[in-house]
Amino acid sequence: MADDNDDKTPNTLKPSDPGQSKPRARKGRGRPTPRAQESKERNAEPTLTRLLATRVLERVERSQAYADLALHQSLARSPLSGVDRALTTELVYGTLRWRGRLDYFLSQVLNQELATLDPLIATILRLGAYQLMFSDRIPASAAVDQAVRCTRAVGNQRATGLVNAVLRRLTREWQTIMPPRLEDDPTEHLVHALSLPEWMAKRFLDIFGPEGAAEFAKACNQPAPITARINRTRTDRDSLLASIQEQHPKARAGKYSPDAIYLGHIGDLGRDAAFRDGLYCIQDEASQLVVDMLAPEPGDLVLDTCAAPGSKTTAVAERLAGNGRILALDRNARRLNLISQTVRRLDLEGVHTQKCDATLPLTGLVIPGQEESSDPVRFDRILVDAPCSGLGVLRRNPDSRWRVREGDPAKLAEIQQKILIRAAAVLRRGGTLVYSTCTVLPEENEKQVEHFLEQNPNFRQVPAAEMSPNVGALVDEVGTLRLTPNEHGTDGFFAVRLERVE
């Protein structure tokens, strides 16, 4: 992440002073002199939307900042209207989502390798190319002009000619450029047409095959819709849906979870009274199904080992309805505070948080109100929503495809294994443990569970027949849940339910 100093917009990125004097016209004429006109054009500033988009993309590229956090920080300090905020968000996420394809098209009109350019100039070219190729609301001339202005605003006057020439040529030629076809070279197609890193493209081909990998990648390139989870302690789905539809007629009931409402692509939820009043929270339907699989009941003592930001924790608390307790762990105290904030907004009871690294032995866990005992705490249900590569939620986090490295899944698998072992040690006999991820890689999913069961014969995987109907209809016979955006319209998720039998 970038340090605090990176949050301050440098002088080179400030929009022009609205009180700046205009070039003085020649006496007796109604227009500026040629020299004054040239000066005016040279000093013209880009719009704030492009400046902010450029700045956020620069932070993601240079400092590996998370796009959603960097964007939120920039927009929070800006005077932009709701419409301009939406445009800035589209420019950032769209450029990140399609970076691989944009790079291919730019390479066809550049006389040098894109990688040899100043990274900030490459970012400006990508942003301009995205507007040319994917936005029907922005005229080509405006996209080129704004890119040139951004180049000048960041202090690189010498590169304005290159940016102007490249984007003008792209304007003329991009519709005639054909990226590699799937049938000719599946890997190159996924990389250059569907915007995936090469290592990721090869992994998806191994998992899904050419056609399946292409469909998965296409789904990951679509913006993720917003899904709500009703607060079942405060309302019911029919009542809340009817209320939401008064403002958002396209809202509809979810397909798989009884608590889900599809909101589509609506605007700022922070201004929605029902959201502020705690009648719902935002949670993808796949994530909701993980809690359905856990099936917490009133009176249960539940452990959430990797709880922040708390969507599953609060879903469990709603099922307990004040009769039961859930202990939410996270190694980051600031992220635990996010859980507490959501708990207060939803007006839930029985949720306790504790800073804890779940890869270490889970000793010293504190359950407020429980009598002290020398015996370790034993939980009725445990959720291990493990840290993972996140390759099932690329549509929601488009920058992840460029952040995750080829060796990361193997490192994450080691962490997941440790958390599973620690969690299993504090589960009571007859208790259930749900292991879930938001990735599609076998080493983080099926192989992880297979290894755990081999090493822990006192556990079994719960089959479909023993699950609730809505979950049982989606899992395979042995009880494995695999969801993908192209097949189910949800985030990509994996989950299994394990039971300690002795």
Protein backbone atom coordinates (compact mmCIF):
# COMPACT_ATOMS: atom_id res chain seq x y z
CA MET A 1 0.00 0.00 0.00
CA ALA A 2 1.11 3.57 -0.58
CA ASP A 3 2.11 5.68 2.39
CA ASP A 4 0.10 8.62 3.65
CA ASN A 5 2.05 11.07 1.55
CA ASP A 6 0.76 9.38 -1.58
CA ASP A 7 -2.76 10.42 -0.66
CA LYS A 8 -1.99 14.08 -1.27
CA THR A 9 -2.57 15.19 -4.83
CA PRO A 10 0.65 16.76 -6.15
CA ASN A 11 0.56 20.21 -7.66
CA THR A 12 1.03 18.74 -11.12
CA LEU A 13 -2.32 17.00 -10.76
CA LYS A 14 -4.40 19.94 -9.63
CA PRO A 15 -7.13 21.22 -11.95
CA SER A 16 -6.77 24.72 -13.25
CA ASP A 17 -7.72 27.68 -11.12
CA PRO A 18 -11.22 28.79 -12.16
CA GLY A 19 -10.09 32.38 -11.69
CA GLN A 20 -7.13 32.06 -14.04
CA SER A 21 -6.99 34.92 -16.51
CA LYS A 22 -7.70 34.21 -20.16
CA PRO A 23 -5.35 35.18 -23.00
CA ARG A 24 -5.89 38.79 -23.95
CA ALA A 25 -7.28 39.31 -27.46
CA ARG A 26 -5.48 41.56 -29.93
CA LYS A 27 -6.95 45.02 -29.93
CA GLY A 28 -9.79 45.33 -32.42
CA ARG A 29 -10.16 41.56 -32.81
CA GLY A 30 -12.65 39.16 -31.24
CA ARG A 31 -10.23 36.25 -30.88
CA PRO A 32 -6.81 35.68 -29.26
CA THR A 33 -3.58 35.99 -31.18
CA PRO A 34 -2.15 32.71 -32.54
CA ARG A 35 0.54 32.79 -29.87
CA ALA A 36 -2.02 33.38 -27.12
CA GLN A 37 -4.23 30.61 -28.50
CA GLU A 38 -1.25 28.23 -28.51
CA SER A 39 -0.48 29.17 -24.91
CA LYS A 40 -4.08 28.59 -23.89
CA GLU A 41 -4.10 25.11 -25.43
CA ARG A 42 -0.75 24.26 -23.86
CA ASN A 43 -1.96 25.28 -20.38
CA ALA A 44 -5.40 23.65 -20.63
CA GLU A 45 -6.00 21.21 -17.79
CA PRO A 46 -7.72 17.81 -17.98
CA THR A 47 -11.00 17.19 -16.20
CA LEU A 48 -10.87 16.12 -12.58
CA THR A 49 -12.37 12.72 -13.44
CA ARG A 50 -9.39 11.91 -15.68
CA LEU A 51 -6.94 13.29 -13.15
CA LEU A 52 -8.33 11.15 -10.36
CA ALA A 53 -8.51 8.08 -12.59
CA THR A 54 -4.90 8.62 -13.66
CA ARG A 55 -3.77 9.06 -10.08
CA VAL A 56 -5.55 5.94 -8.82
CA LEU A 57 -4.23 3.82 -11.68
CA GLU A 58 -0.74 5.16 -11.00
CA ARG A 59 -0.96 4.13 -7.34
CA VAL A 60 -2.18 0.65 -8.27
CA GLU A 61 0.66 0.24 -10.77
CA ARG A 62 3.46 1.90 -8.81
CA SER A 63 2.63 1.02 -5.20
CA GLN A 64 0.47 -2.09 -5.61
CA ALA A 65 -2.35 -0.20 -3.90
CA TYR A 66 -5.74 -1.86 -3.82
CA ALA A 67 -7.89 -0.19 -6.44
CA ASP A 68 -11.05 -0.04 -4.34
CA LEU A 69 -9.28 1.58 -1.39
CA ALA A 70 -7.28 4.01 -3.51
CA LEU A 71 -10.42 4.98 -5.42
CA HIS A 72 -12.45 5.45 -2.25
CA GLN A 73 -9.76 7.67 -0.72
CA SER A 74 -9.52 9.84 -3.83
CA LEU A 75 -13.28 10.22 -4.27
CA ALA A 76 -13.82 10.97 -0.58
CA ARG A 77 -11.72 14.12 -0.92
CA SER A 78 -13.09 15.24 -4.27
CA PRO A 79 -15.95 17.64 -5.08
CA LEU A 80 -17.18 15.43 -7.93
CA SER A 81 -20.89 14.91 -8.51
CA GLY A 82 -22.45 11.46 -8.35
CA VAL A 83 -22.34 11.17 -12.14
CA ASP A 84 -18.65 12.09 -12.28
CA ARG A 85 -17.85 9.72 -9.43
CA ALA A 86 -19.47 6.92 -11.38
CA LEU A 87 -17.46 7.86 -14.48
CA THR A 88 -14.20 7.91 -12.51
CA THR A 89 -14.99 4.47 -11.09
CA GLU A 90 -15.77 3.12 -14.55
CA LEU A 91 -12.53 4.52 -15.98
CA VAL A 92 -10.42 2.97 -13.21
CA TYR A 93 -12.05 -0.45 -13.10
CA GLY A 94 -12.50 -0.67 -16.85
CA THR A 95 -8.86 0.15 -17.55
CA LEU A 96 -7.70 -2.44 -15.00
CA ARG A 97 -10.15 -5.06 -16.21
CA TRP A 98 -9.11 -4.77 -19.85
CA ARG A 99 -5.44 -3.91 -19.39
CA GLY A 100 -4.23 -7.02 -21.22
CA ARG A 101 -6.39 -6.32 -24.26
CA LEU A 102 -5.55 -2.61 -24.21
CA ASP A 103 -1.84 -3.42 -24.14
CA TYR A 104 -2.21 -5.69 -27.17
CA PHE A 105 -3.99 -3.03 -29.21
CA LEU A 106 -1.56 -0.32 -28.15
CA SER A 107 1.35 -2.55 -29.15
CA GLN A 108 -0.03 -2.65 -32.69
CA VAL A 109 0.15 1.14 -33.07
CA LEU A 110 3.31 1.86 -31.06
CA ASN A 111 6.76 1.96 -32.63
CA GLN A 112 8.34 0.72 -29.39
CA GLU A 113 7.54 -1.73 -26.61
CA LEU A 114 4.92 -0.44 -24.18
CA ALA A 115 7.10 -1.65 -21.30
CA THR A 116 9.86 0.77 -22.36
CA LEU A 117 7.67 3.81 -21.75
CA ASP A 118 7.49 5.79 -18.55
CA PRO A 119 4.93 3.78 -16.48
CA LEU A 120 2.79 6.87 -15.98
CA ILE A 121 2.65 7.49 -19.74
CA ALA A 122 1.71 3.84 -20.28
CA THR A 123 -1.10 4.33 -17.75
CA ILE A 124 -2.36 7.43 -19.58
CA LEU A 125 -2.30 5.53 -22.89
CA ARG A 126 -4.28 2.65 -21.38
CA LEU A 127 -6.83 5.04 -19.92
CA GLY A 128 -7.22 6.78 -23.27
CA ALA A 129 -7.43 3.48 -25.14
CA TYR A 130 -10.14 2.24 -22.79
CA GLN A 131 -12.28 5.28 -23.54
CA LEU A 132 -11.75 4.86 -27.29
CA MET A 133 -12.55 1.14 -27.35
CA PHE A 134 -15.11 0.62 -24.59
CA SER A 135 -17.00 3.86 -23.94
CA ASP A 136 -19.77 4.93 -26.28
CA ARG A 137 -20.41 8.04 -24.15
CA ILE A 138 -17.02 9.67 -24.69
CA PRO A 139 -16.18 11.05 -28.16
CA ALA A 140 -12.85 9.88 -29.56
CA SER A 141 -11.60 13.45 -29.89
CA ALA A 142 -12.32 14.09 -26.20
CA ALA A 143 -10.54 10.90 -25.14
CA VAL A 144 -7.41 11.86 -27.08
CA ASP A 145 -7.49 15.48 -25.95
CA GLN A 146 -7.89 14.53 -22.28
CA ALA A 147 -5.01 12.05 -22.51
CA VAL A 148 -2.74 14.77 -23.90
CA ARG A 149 -3.84 17.16 -21.16
CA CYS A 150 -3.16 14.51 -18.49
CA THR A 151 0.31 13.97 -19.93
CA ARG A 152 1.03 17.68 -19.70
CA ALA A 153 -0.49 17.92 -16.21
CA VAL A 154 1.83 15.25 -14.80
CA GLY A 155 4.81 17.23 -16.01
CA ASN A 156 5.80 15.32 -19.14
CA GLN A 157 5.39 17.87 -21.92
CA ARG A 158 7.81 15.94 -24.13
CA ALA A 159 5.51 12.90 -24.23
CA THR A 160 2.41 14.80 -25.38
CA GLY A 161 3.30 14.30 -29.03
CA LEU A 162 3.68 10.54 -28.59
CA VAL A 163 0.41 10.23 -26.65
CA ASN A 164 -1.44 12.28 -29.24
CA ALA A 165 -0.01 10.34 -32.20
CA VAL A 166 -0.55 6.88 -30.68
CA LEU A 167 -4.15 7.49 -29.63
CA ARG A 168 -5.06 9.18 -32.91
CA ARG A 169 -3.68 6.19 -34.79
CA LEU A 170 -5.56 3.84 -32.47
CA THR A 171 -8.75 5.81 -33.16
CA ARG A 172 -8.34 5.09 -36.87
CA GLU A 173 -7.19 1.49 -36.65
CA TRP A 174 -8.43 -0.30 -33.54
CA GLN A 175 -11.54 -1.75 -35.16
CA THR A 176 -9.39 -3.48 -37.79
CA ILE A 177 -6.99 -5.06 -35.27
CA MET A 178 -7.79 -8.72 -34.57
CA PRO A 179 -6.38 -10.35 -31.41
CA PRO A 180 -5.55 -14.10 -31.47
CA ARG A 181 -8.55 -16.41 -31.79
CA LEU A 182 -9.41 -19.13 -29.26
CA GLU A 183 -9.33 -21.90 -31.85
CA ASP A 184 -5.89 -20.84 -33.10
CA ASP A 185 -4.10 -20.28 -29.79
CA PRO A 186 -6.16 -20.59 -26.58
CA THR A 187 -3.47 -19.12 -24.32
CA GLU A 188 -2.80 -16.10 -26.53
CA HIS A 189 -6.55 -15.53 -26.87
CA LEU A 190 -7.06 -15.48 -23.10
CA VAL A 191 -4.07 -13.18 -22.65
CA HIS A 192 -4.59 -10.66 -25.46
CA ALA A 193 -8.33 -10.81 -26.15
CA LEU A 194 -9.69 -11.55 -22.66
CA SER A 195 -7.05 -9.75 -20.60
CA LEU A 196 -5.45 -12.36 -18.35
CA PRO A 197 -1.82 -12.77 -17.26
CA GLU A 198 -0.24 -15.70 -19.10
CA TRP A 199 0.22 -17.90 -16.04
CA MET A 200 -3.40 -17.38 -15.02
CA ALA A 201 -4.64 -18.14 -18.53
CA LYS A 202 -2.77 -21.45 -18.51
CA ARG A 203 -4.20 -22.40 -15.11
CA PHE A 204 -7.75 -21.67 -16.25
CA LEU A 205 -7.18 -23.74 -19.39
CA ASP A 206 -6.02 -26.66 -17.23
CA ILE A 207 -9.09 -26.38 -15.00
CA PHE A 208 -11.88 -25.55 -17.46
CA GLY A 209 -10.55 -26.39 -20.94
CA PRO A 210 -10.50 -23.84 -23.81
CA GLU A 211 -14.23 -23.13 -24.09
CA GLY A 212 -14.82 -23.15 -20.34
CA ALA A 213 -11.82 -20.95 -19.65
CA ALA A 214 -12.98 -18.42 -22.25
CA GLU A 215 -16.48 -18.32 -20.78
CA PHE A 216 -15.09 -17.92 -17.27
CA ALA A 217 -12.78 -15.10 -18.39
CA LYS A 218 -15.62 -13.33 -20.20
CA ALA A 219 -17.75 -13.45 -17.05
CA CYS A 220 -14.83 -12.08 -15.01
CA ASN A 221 -14.67 -9.12 -17.40
CA GLN A 222 -18.22 -8.04 -16.63
CA PRO A 223 -18.80 -5.60 -13.74
CA ALA A 224 -20.16 -7.43 -10.72
CA PRO A 225 -23.76 -6.57 -9.81
CA ILE A 226 -24.64 -5.59 -6.26
CA THR A 227 -26.47 -8.17 -4.15
CA ALA A 228 -28.07 -7.43 -0.79
CA ARG A 229 -28.64 -9.76 2.14
CA ILE A 230 -31.66 -8.86 4.20
CA ASN A 231 -31.27 -8.51 7.95
CA ARG A 232 -33.67 -11.26 8.91
CA THR A 233 -33.87 -9.95 12.50
CA ARG A 234 -35.39 -6.68 11.23
CA THR A 235 -37.37 -7.45 8.07
CA ASP A 236 -38.31 -10.09 5.52
CA ARG A 237 -37.36 -10.32 1.87
CA ASP A 238 -40.78 -9.60 0.37
CA SER A 239 -41.29 -6.44 2.43
CA LEU A 240 -37.80 -5.07 1.80
CA LEU A 241 -37.91 -5.93 -1.90
CA ALA A 242 -41.19 -4.06 -2.34
CA SER A 243 -39.69 -1.02 -0.63
CA ILE A 244 -36.49 -1.11 -2.69
CA GLN A 245 -38.40 -1.49 -5.95
CA GLU A 246 -40.05 1.88 -5.37
CA GLN A 247 -36.64 3.48 -6.06
CA HIS A 248 -35.03 0.67 -8.08
CA PRO A 249 -37.71 -1.12 -10.15
CA LYS A 250 -35.18 -3.62 -11.55
CA ALA A 251 -34.39 -5.07 -8.12
CA ARG A 252 -35.47 -8.70 -7.77
CA ALA A 253 -35.29 -11.65 -5.42
CA GLY A 254 -32.16 -13.77 -5.43
CA LYS A 255 -32.05 -17.13 -7.14
CA TYR A 256 -30.25 -19.33 -4.62
CA SER A 257 -30.29 -17.71 -1.16
CA PRO A 258 -33.60 -17.00 0.62
CA ASP A 259 -32.10 -13.77 1.96
CA ALA A 260 -30.74 -12.38 -1.32
CA ILE A 261 -31.98 -9.41 -3.35
CA TYR A 262 -30.34 -8.46 -6.65
CA LEU A 263 -29.86 -4.69 -6.78
CA GLY A 264 -28.04 -4.55 -10.11
CA HIS A 265 -25.72 -1.58 -10.59
CA ILE A 266 -27.27 1.11 -8.39
CA GLY A 267 -25.48 4.16 -7.06
CA ASP A 268 -24.28 5.26 -3.63
CA LEU A 269 -25.80 2.90 -1.05
CA GLY A 270 -24.64 5.12 1.79
CA ARG A 271 -27.52 7.45 0.95
CA ASP A 272 -30.14 4.69 1.05
CA ALA A 273 -32.25 4.90 4.21
CA ALA A 274 -32.89 1.15 4.40
CA PHE A 275 -29.16 0.48 4.25
CA ARG A 276 -28.33 3.12 6.87
CA ASP A 277 -31.08 1.77 9.13
CA GLY A 278 -29.58 -1.72 9.01
CA LEU A 279 -32.30 -3.49 7.05
CA TYR A 280 -29.73 -5.04 4.73
CA CYS A 281 -26.05 -5.31 3.97
CA ILE A 282 -24.09 -6.07 0.81
CA GLN A 283 -23.06 -9.69 0.30
CA ASP A 284 -22.80 -11.72 -2.87
CA GLU A 285 -25.17 -14.67 -3.09
CA ALA A 286 -22.29 -17.17 -3.20
CA SER A 287 -21.00 -15.82 0.10
CA GLN A 288 -24.49 -16.08 1.58
CA LEU A 289 -24.65 -19.75 0.60
CA VAL A 290 -21.52 -20.45 2.64
CA VAL A 291 -23.44 -19.45 5.77
CA ASP A 292 -26.40 -21.56 4.61
CA MET A 293 -23.98 -24.50 4.44
CA LEU A 294 -22.71 -23.77 7.97
CA ALA A 295 -26.37 -23.77 9.13
CA PRO A 296 -25.92 -22.11 12.55
CA GLU A 297 -28.79 -22.55 14.99
CA PRO A 298 -29.92 -20.58 18.06
CA GLY A 299 -27.85 -21.54 21.07
CA ASP A 300 -24.71 -22.34 19.07
CA LEU A 301 -21.23 -21.18 19.96
CA VAL A 302 -19.66 -20.24 16.61
CA LEU A 303 -16.10 -19.34 15.62
CA ASP A 304 -15.26 -17.32 12.50
CA THR A 305 -11.49 -17.65 12.09
CA CYS A 306 -10.91 -15.08 9.33
CA ALA A 307 -13.86 -12.80 9.88
CA ALA A 308 -13.18 -9.32 8.49
CA PRO A 309 -14.90 -7.41 7.00
CA GLY A 310 -17.76 -9.32 8.62
CA SER A 311 -20.46 -10.16 6.07
CA LYS A 312 -20.49 -13.85 7.06
CA THR A 313 -20.08 -13.05 10.76
CA THR A 314 -23.17 -10.86 10.75
CA ALA A 315 -25.11 -13.40 8.68
CA VAL A 316 -24.37 -15.99 11.37
CA ALA A 317 -25.44 -13.54 14.09
CA GLU A 318 -28.76 -13.00 12.32
CA ARG A 319 -29.37 -16.77 12.35
CA LEU A 320 -28.62 -16.91 16.07
CA ALA A 321 -31.08 -14.03 16.68
CA GLY A 322 -29.54 -13.12 20.03
CA ASN A 323 -29.60 -16.71 21.31
CA GLY A 324 -26.01 -17.83 20.87
CA ARG A 325 -22.59 -16.30 20.48
CA ILE A 326 -20.08 -15.87 17.69
CA LEU A 327 -16.41 -15.09 18.16
CA ALA A 328 -14.93 -13.27 15.17
CA LEU A 329 -11.15 -13.40 14.76
CA ASP A 330 -8.82 -11.41 12.57
CA ARG A 331 -5.13 -10.59 12.78
CA ASN A 332 -5.80 -6.93 11.89
CA ALA A 333 -7.38 -4.81 14.62
CA ARG A 334 -8.49 -2.13 12.15
CA ARG A 335 -10.37 -4.71 10.10
CA LEU A 336 -12.01 -6.02 13.25
CA ASN A 337 -13.38 -2.52 13.77
CA LEU A 338 -15.20 -2.87 10.44
CA ILE A 339 -17.06 -5.85 11.89
CA SER A 340 -18.05 -3.89 14.99
CA GLN A 341 -19.34 -1.02 12.86
CA THR A 342 -21.51 -3.35 10.79
CA VAL A 343 -22.79 -5.13 13.89
CA ARG A 344 -23.92 -1.79 15.32
CA ARG A 345 -25.58 -0.73 12.06
CA LEU A 346 -27.48 -4.01 11.85
CA ASP A 347 -28.30 -3.89 15.60
CA LEU A 348 -27.12 -7.45 16.23
CA GLU A 349 -26.30 -9.21 19.49
CA GLY A 350 -23.92 -11.95 20.51
CA VAL A 351 -20.96 -10.91 18.32
CA HIS A 352 -17.55 -10.68 19.97
CA THR A 353 -14.29 -9.83 18.25
CA GLN A 354 -10.72 -10.73 19.14
CA LYS A 355 -7.41 -9.97 17.47
CA CYS A 356 -5.84 -13.31 16.71
CA ASP A 357 -3.66 -15.03 14.11
CA ALA A 358 -5.59 -18.19 13.25
CA THR A 359 -2.48 -19.92 11.89
CA LEU A 360 -1.27 -20.23 15.51
CA PRO A 361 -2.75 -22.46 18.25
CA LEU A 362 -6.15 -21.06 19.22
CA THR A 363 -5.47 -20.88 22.92
CA GLY A 364 -6.53 -17.95 25.02
CA LEU A 365 -9.78 -17.35 23.15
CA VAL A 366 -12.13 -15.29 25.28
CA ILE A 367 -15.91 -15.69 25.19
CA PRO A 368 -17.51 -12.86 27.21
CA GLY A 369 -20.01 -14.21 29.71
CA GLN A 370 -18.61 -17.73 29.67
CA GLU A 371 -17.31 -19.16 32.93
CA GLU A 372 -13.56 -19.45 33.21
CA SER A 373 -12.23 -22.97 32.80
CA SER A 374 -8.88 -24.66 32.33
CA ASP A 375 -10.39 -26.65 29.48
CA PRO A 376 -10.01 -25.19 25.98
CA VAL A 377 -13.06 -23.57 24.41
CA ARG A 378 -14.95 -25.95 22.11
CA PHE A 379 -17.18 -24.59 19.37
CA ASP A 380 -20.34 -26.05 17.88
CA ARG A 381 -19.65 -24.59 14.45
CA ILE A 382 -16.56 -23.10 12.88
CA LEU A 383 -16.22 -21.12 9.67
CA VAL A 384 -12.84 -21.07 7.94
CA ASP A 385 -13.31 -18.59 5.12
CA ALA A 386 -9.64 -18.81 4.29
CA PRO A 387 -7.39 -16.15 2.78
CA CYS A 388 -6.94 -17.14 -0.85
CA SER A 389 -5.82 -15.98 -4.29
CA GLY A 390 -9.29 -14.53 -4.97
CA LEU A 391 -9.41 -15.73 -8.58
CA GLY A 392 -13.15 -16.32 -8.29
CA VAL A 393 -13.86 -12.62 -7.72
CA LEU A 394 -11.86 -11.02 -10.53
CA ARG A 395 -15.00 -9.28 -11.79
CA ARG A 396 -15.25 -7.54 -8.41
CA ASN A 397 -11.52 -6.88 -7.96
CA PRO A 398 -10.10 -6.39 -11.46
CA ASP A 399 -6.70 -5.32 -10.14
CA SER A 400 -6.21 -8.75 -8.54
CA ARG A 401 -5.35 -10.35 -11.85
CA TRP A 402 -2.27 -8.13 -12.05
CA ARG A 403 -1.38 -8.34 -8.34
CA VAL A 404 -1.54 -12.10 -7.73
CA ARG A 405 1.67 -13.85 -8.77
CA GLU A 406 2.10 -17.39 -10.05
CA GLY A 407 3.73 -18.57 -6.82
CA ASP A 408 1.15 -17.02 -4.49
CA PRO A 409 -1.42 -19.88 -4.47
CA ALA A 410 1.16 -22.36 -3.16
CA LYS A 411 2.10 -19.98 -0.33
CA LEU A 412 -1.55 -19.38 0.48
CA ALA A 413 -2.24 -23.13 0.53
CA GLU A 414 0.28 -23.47 3.37
CA ILE A 415 -1.52 -20.78 5.34
CA GLN A 416 -4.92 -22.36 4.66
CA GLN A 417 -3.66 -25.73 5.88
CA LYS A 418 -2.43 -24.22 9.15
CA ILE A 419 -5.74 -22.47 9.79
CA LEU A 420 -7.71 -25.65 9.10
CA ILE A 421 -5.60 -27.61 11.57
CA ARG A 422 -5.92 -24.95 14.28
CA ALA A 423 -9.67 -24.66 13.79
CA ALA A 424 -10.23 -28.42 13.86
CA ALA A 425 -8.52 -28.59 17.23
CA VAL A 426 -11.20 -26.43 18.91
CA LEU A 427 -14.29 -28.04 17.32
CA ARG A 428 -16.38 -30.19 19.63
CA ARG A 429 -17.26 -33.78 18.78
CA GLY A 430 -20.27 -33.76 16.48
CA GLY A 431 -19.58 -30.15 15.51
CA THR A 432 -19.35 -28.88 11.95
CA LEU A 433 -16.67 -26.88 10.15
CA VAL A 434 -17.15 -25.14 6.80
CA TYR A 435 -14.06 -24.47 4.72
CA SER A 436 -14.56 -21.91 1.95
CA THR A 437 -12.58 -19.79 -0.51
CA CYS A 438 -13.33 -17.37 -3.32
CA THR A 439 -10.94 -19.00 -5.78
CA VAL A 440 -11.13 -21.80 -8.36
CA LEU A 441 -7.64 -23.28 -7.99
CA PRO A 442 -7.56 -26.96 -6.89
CA GLU A 443 -4.54 -26.57 -4.60
CA GLU A 444 -6.54 -24.11 -2.50
CA ASN A 445 -9.78 -26.07 -2.70
CA GLU A 446 -10.21 -29.79 -3.43
CA LYS A 447 -6.59 -30.74 -2.74
CA GLN A 448 -6.65 -28.80 0.50
CA VAL A 449 -9.69 -30.71 1.73
CA GLU A 450 -8.35 -34.07 0.52
CA HIS A 451 -5.12 -33.52 2.44
CA PHE A 452 -6.98 -32.49 5.58
CA LEU A 453 -9.23 -35.57 5.54
CA GLU A 454 -6.23 -37.86 4.98
CA GLN A 455 -4.52 -36.39 8.03
CA ASN A 456 -7.70 -36.23 10.17
CA PRO A 457 -9.67 -39.50 9.94
CA ASN A 458 -11.94 -38.26 12.75
CA PHE A 459 -13.56 -35.89 10.24
CA ARG A 460 -15.90 -36.60 7.35
CA GLN A 461 -17.27 -34.51 4.50
CA VAL A 462 -21.02 -33.96 4.82
CA PRO A 463 -22.84 -35.10 1.64
CA ALA A 464 -25.54 -33.25 -0.27
CA ALA A 465 -28.32 -35.35 1.23
CA GLU A 466 -27.66 -33.89 4.69
CA MET A 467 -27.77 -30.24 3.64
CA SER A 468 -30.59 -27.73 3.31
CA PRO A 469 -32.47 -27.95 -0.01
CA ASN A 470 -31.12 -24.69 -1.48
CA VAL A 471 -27.51 -25.74 -0.82
CA GLY A 472 -28.06 -29.43 -1.54
CA ALA A 473 -29.30 -28.57 -5.03
CA LEU A 474 -26.01 -26.83 -5.85
CA VAL A 475 -23.39 -29.17 -4.39
CA ASP A 476 -22.20 -32.41 -5.97
CA GLU A 477 -23.00 -35.79 -4.42
CA VAL A 478 -20.14 -35.70 -1.95
CA GLY A 479 -21.14 -32.21 -0.82
CA THR A 480 -18.72 -29.89 -2.62
CA LEU A 481 -20.00 -26.44 -3.60
CA ARG A 482 -18.42 -24.91 -6.70
CA LEU A 483 -19.89 -21.69 -8.05
CA THR A 484 -18.66 -19.60 -10.99
CA PRO A 485 -19.87 -16.30 -12.47
CA ASN A 486 -20.40 -17.78 -15.93
CA GLU A 487 -22.52 -20.73 -14.73
CA HIS A 488 -24.34 -19.26 -11.73
CA GLY A 489 -24.06 -15.48 -12.05
CA THR A 490 -22.41 -15.32 -8.62
CA ASP A 491 -18.86 -14.80 -7.49
CA GLY A 492 -16.62 -17.82 -7.89
CA PHE A 493 -16.71 -19.78 -4.62
CA PHE A 494 -15.74 -23.16 -3.20
CA ALA A 495 -17.03 -24.65 0.05
CA VAL A 496 -17.32 -27.95 1.88
CA ARG A 497 -18.88 -28.89 5.21
CA LEU A 498 -16.87 -31.15 7.48
CA GLU A 499 -18.06 -32.92 10.64
CA ARG A 500 -16.00 -34.14 13.56
CA VAL A 501 -17.27 -37.65 14.16
CA GLU A 502 -15.11 -38.57 17.18
